[in-house]
Amino acid sequence: QVQLVESGGTWVQPGGSLTISCGGFGFAFSRYAMTWNRQAPGKGRELVARISNDGSKTFYEDSVKGRFTVSRDNARNTIDLQMDGLKPEDTAMYYCNSESPLTQDYWGQGTQVTVSA
């Protein structure tokens, strides 16, 4: 059974830092790139960051470059997103996903990040 479980979201003040995590189970985690995505209220879901299956290559959406860092631990089937210099516009529900065919139509419950004074 495929599972994507996000955790660690909370309220943070502008300029603060937060690390959120995701566990992926029920598919060959280490064979696939993983992504972090977010959906703000009233907006569509957008790709934030991507990490290759072995962690050697990363991609960041322009608005988070230099502030967010994605990492993975294939031994534990987890990925993290370290977020620094948080801004109110980073407020969103954050979701992880895999590029495995088994997770194409699957989304976890997400983890809420709220940035406000």
C-alpha atoms as a PDB file:
ATOM      1  CA  GLN A   1       0.000   0.000   0.000  1.00  0.00           C
ATOM      2  CA  VAL A   2       1.423   3.347  -1.088  1.00  0.00           C
ATOM      3  CA  GLN A   3       1.856   5.914   1.666  1.00  0.00           C
ATOM      4  CA  LEU A   4       3.224   9.439   1.626  1.00  0.00           C
ATOM      5  CA  VAL A   5       3.241  10.960   5.089  1.00  0.00           C
ATOM      6  CA  GLU A   6       4.197  14.600   5.588  1.00  0.00           C
ATOM      7  CA  SER A   7       4.963  16.118   8.982  1.00  0.00           C
ATOM      8  CA  GLY A   8       6.540  19.069  10.763  1.00  0.00           C
ATOM      9  CA  GLY A   9       4.427  21.965   9.531  1.00  0.00           C
ATOM     10  CA  THR A  10       3.580  24.731  11.973  1.00  0.00           C
ATOM     11  CA  TRP A  11       3.299  28.500  12.409  1.00  0.00           C
ATOM     12  CA  VAL A  12       6.528  30.485  11.928  1.00  0.00           C
ATOM     13  CA  GLN A  13       7.304  34.190  12.031  1.00  0.00           C
ATOM     14  CA  PRO A  14       8.617  35.887   8.864  1.00  0.00           C
ATOM     15  CA  GLY A  15      12.337  35.343   8.527  1.00  0.00           C
ATOM     16  CA  GLY A  16      12.180  32.156  10.539  1.00  0.00           C
ATOM     17  CA  SER A  17      13.251  28.639   9.668  1.00  0.00           C
ATOM     18  CA  LEU A  18      11.486  25.296   9.613  1.00  0.00           C
ATOM     19  CA  THR A  19      12.227  21.771   8.398  1.00  0.00           C
ATOM     20  CA  ILE A  20       9.397  19.556   7.202  1.00  0.00           C
ATOM     21  CA  SER A  21       9.670  15.830   6.500  1.00  0.00           C
ATOM     22  CA  CYS A  22       8.048  13.165   4.367  1.00  0.00           C
ATOM     23  CA  GLY A  23       8.099   9.386   4.546  1.00  0.00           C
ATOM     24  CA  GLY A  24       7.370   7.305   1.454  1.00  0.00           C
ATOM     25  CA  PHE A  25       6.341   3.651   1.680  1.00  0.00           C
ATOM     26  CA  GLY A  26       4.897   0.947  -0.545  1.00  0.00           C
ATOM     27  CA  PHE A  27       7.065   1.686  -3.561  1.00  0.00           C
ATOM     28  CA  ALA A  28      10.758   1.489  -4.453  1.00  0.00           C
ATOM     29  CA  PHE A  29      11.658   4.775  -2.763  1.00  0.00           C
ATOM     30  CA  SER A  30      15.347   4.847  -3.646  1.00  0.00           C
ATOM     31  CA  ARG A  31      14.712   4.326  -7.361  1.00  0.00           C
ATOM     32  CA  TYR A  32      12.743   7.514  -7.921  1.00  0.00           C
ATOM     33  CA  ALA A  33      13.150  11.240  -7.721  1.00  0.00           C
ATOM     34  CA  MET A  34      11.027  12.903  -5.063  1.00  0.00           C
ATOM     35  CA  THR A  35       9.328  16.283  -5.079  1.00  0.00           C
ATOM     36  CA  TRP A  36       7.972  18.840  -2.650  1.00  0.00           C
ATOM     37  CA  ASN A  37       4.884  20.703  -3.779  1.00  0.00           C
ATOM     38  CA  ARG A  38       2.672  23.312  -2.156  1.00  0.00           C
ATOM     39  CA  GLN A  39      -0.814  24.685  -2.478  1.00  0.00           C
ATOM     40  CA  ALA A  40      -1.744  28.081  -1.085  1.00  0.00           C
ATOM     41  CA  PRO A  41      -5.383  28.985  -0.391  1.00  0.00           C
ATOM     42  CA  GLY A  42      -7.222  29.689  -3.633  1.00  0.00           C
ATOM     43  CA  LYS A  43      -4.297  28.629  -5.808  1.00  0.00           C
ATOM     44  CA  GLY A  44      -3.229  25.519  -7.668  1.00  0.00           C
ATOM     45  CA  ARG A  45      -0.609  23.090  -6.484  1.00  0.00           C
ATOM     46  CA  GLU A  46       2.938  24.050  -7.558  1.00  0.00           C
ATOM     47  CA  LEU A  47       6.283  22.281  -7.620  1.00  0.00           C
ATOM     48  CA  VAL A  48       8.698  23.711  -5.052  1.00  0.00           C
ATOM     49  CA  ALA A  49      11.699  21.370  -5.146  1.00  0.00           C
ATOM     50  CA  ARG A  50      12.847  18.108  -6.665  1.00  0.00           C
ATOM     51  CA  ILE A  51      15.645  15.742  -5.699  1.00  0.00           C
ATOM     52  CA  SER A  52      17.027  12.921  -7.835  1.00  0.00           C
ATOM     53  CA  ASN A  53      16.847   9.332  -6.638  1.00  0.00           C
ATOM     54  CA  ASP A  54      20.411   9.373  -5.302  1.00  0.00           C
ATOM     55  CA  GLY A  55      20.298  12.934  -4.020  1.00  0.00           C
ATOM     56  CA  SER A  56      22.965  14.177  -6.415  1.00  0.00           C
ATOM     57  CA  LYS A  57      20.728  16.597  -8.329  1.00  0.00           C
ATOM     58  CA  THR A  58      18.255  19.133  -7.055  1.00  0.00           C
ATOM     59  CA  PHE A  59      15.854  21.645  -8.580  1.00  0.00           C
ATOM     60  CA  TYR A  60      14.174  24.620  -6.943  1.00  0.00           C
ATOM     61  CA  GLU A  61      11.365  26.872  -8.061  1.00  0.00           C
ATOM     62  CA  ASP A  62      12.677  30.416  -8.531  1.00  0.00           C
ATOM     63  CA  SER A  63      10.932  31.968  -5.548  1.00  0.00           C
ATOM     64  CA  VAL A  64      12.570  29.547  -3.079  1.00  0.00           C
ATOM     65  CA  LYS A  65      16.084  29.322  -4.554  1.00  0.00           C
ATOM     66  CA  GLY A  66      18.708  30.128  -1.972  1.00  0.00           C
ATOM     67  CA  ARG A  67      16.207  29.754   0.882  1.00  0.00           C
ATOM     68  CA  PHE A  68      14.999  26.136   0.695  1.00  0.00           C
ATOM     69  CA  THR A  69      17.122  22.974   0.702  1.00  0.00           C
ATOM     70  CA  VAL A  70      15.804  19.498  -0.128  1.00  0.00           C
ATOM     71  CA  SER A  71      17.558  16.354   1.083  1.00  0.00           C
ATOM     72  CA  ARG A  72      16.806  12.652   1.308  1.00  0.00           C
ATOM     73  CA  ASP A  73      17.751   9.572   3.314  1.00  0.00           C
ATOM     74  CA  ASN A  74      17.131   6.451   1.267  1.00  0.00           C
ATOM     75  CA  ALA A  75      17.907   4.197   4.225  1.00  0.00           C
ATOM     76  CA  ARG A  76      14.939   5.662   6.086  1.00  0.00           C
ATOM     77  CA  ASN A  77      12.694   6.370   3.054  1.00  0.00           C
ATOM     78  CA  THR A  78      12.469  10.037   3.960  1.00  0.00           C
ATOM     79  CA  ILE A  79      12.967  13.437   2.402  1.00  0.00           C
ATOM     80  CA  ASP A  80      13.268  16.757   4.199  1.00  0.00           C
ATOM     81  CA  LEU A  81      12.722  20.357   3.146  1.00  0.00           C
ATOM     82  CA  GLN A  82      14.713  22.879   5.135  1.00  0.00           C
ATOM     83  CA  MET A  83      13.140  26.306   4.763  1.00  0.00           C
ATOM     84  CA  ASP A  84      15.034  29.448   5.793  1.00  0.00           C
ATOM     85  CA  GLY A  85      14.107  33.097   5.444  1.00  0.00           C
ATOM     86  CA  LEU A  86      10.426  32.211   5.371  1.00  0.00           C
ATOM     87  CA  LYS A  87       8.015  34.765   3.899  1.00  0.00           C
ATOM     88  CA  PRO A  88       4.242  35.127   4.271  1.00  0.00           C
ATOM     89  CA  GLU A  89       3.883  34.034   0.641  1.00  0.00           C
ATOM     90  CA  ASP A  90       5.353  30.650   1.618  1.00  0.00           C
ATOM     91  CA  THR A  91       2.184  29.950   3.566  1.00  0.00           C
ATOM     92  CA  ALA A  92       0.654  26.807   2.075  1.00  0.00           C
ATOM     93  CA  MET A  93      -0.107  23.138   2.519  1.00  0.00           C
ATOM     94  CA  TYR A  94       3.054  21.255   1.591  1.00  0.00           C
ATOM     95  CA  TYR A  95       2.935  17.827  -0.050  1.00  0.00           C
ATOM     96  CA  CYS A  96       5.639  15.398  -1.088  1.00  0.00           C
ATOM     97  CA  ASN A  97       5.405  13.008  -3.984  1.00  0.00           C
ATOM     98  CA  SER A  98       7.424  10.505  -5.937  1.00  0.00           C
ATOM     99  CA  GLU A  99       7.982  10.047  -9.649  1.00  0.00           C
ATOM    100  CA  SER A 100       7.092   6.385  -9.269  1.00  0.00           C
ATOM    101  CA  PRO A 101       4.129   5.310 -11.427  1.00  0.00           C
ATOM    102  CA  LEU A 102       2.554   3.967  -8.240  1.00  0.00           C
ATOM    103  CA  THR A 103       2.174   7.474  -6.777  1.00  0.00           C
ATOM    104  CA  GLN A 104       1.002   9.316  -9.885  1.00  0.00           C
ATOM    105  CA  ASP A 105      -2.558   9.756  -8.636  1.00  0.00           C
ATOM    106  CA  TYR A 106      -1.803   9.678  -4.929  1.00  0.00           C
ATOM    107  CA  TRP A 107      -1.327  12.552  -2.516  1.00  0.00           C
ATOM    108  CA  GLY A 108      -0.829  12.412   1.226  1.00  0.00           C
ATOM    109  CA  GLN A 109      -2.585  14.604   3.761  1.00  0.00           C
ATOM    110  CA  GLY A 110       0.053  17.337   3.530  1.00  0.00           C
ATOM    111  CA  THR A 111       1.518  19.476   6.295  1.00  0.00           C
ATOM    112  CA  GLN A 112       0.470  23.101   6.871  1.00  0.00           C
ATOM    113  CA  VAL A 113       3.096  25.836   7.002  1.00  0.00           C
ATOM    114  CA  THR A 114       1.874  29.262   8.093  1.00  0.00           C
ATOM    115  CA  VAL A 115       4.184  32.294   8.024  1.00  0.00           C
ATOM    116  CA  SER A 116       2.866  35.386   9.770  1.00  0.00           C
ATOM    117  CA  ALA A 117       3.818  37.955  12.372  1.00  0.00           C
END
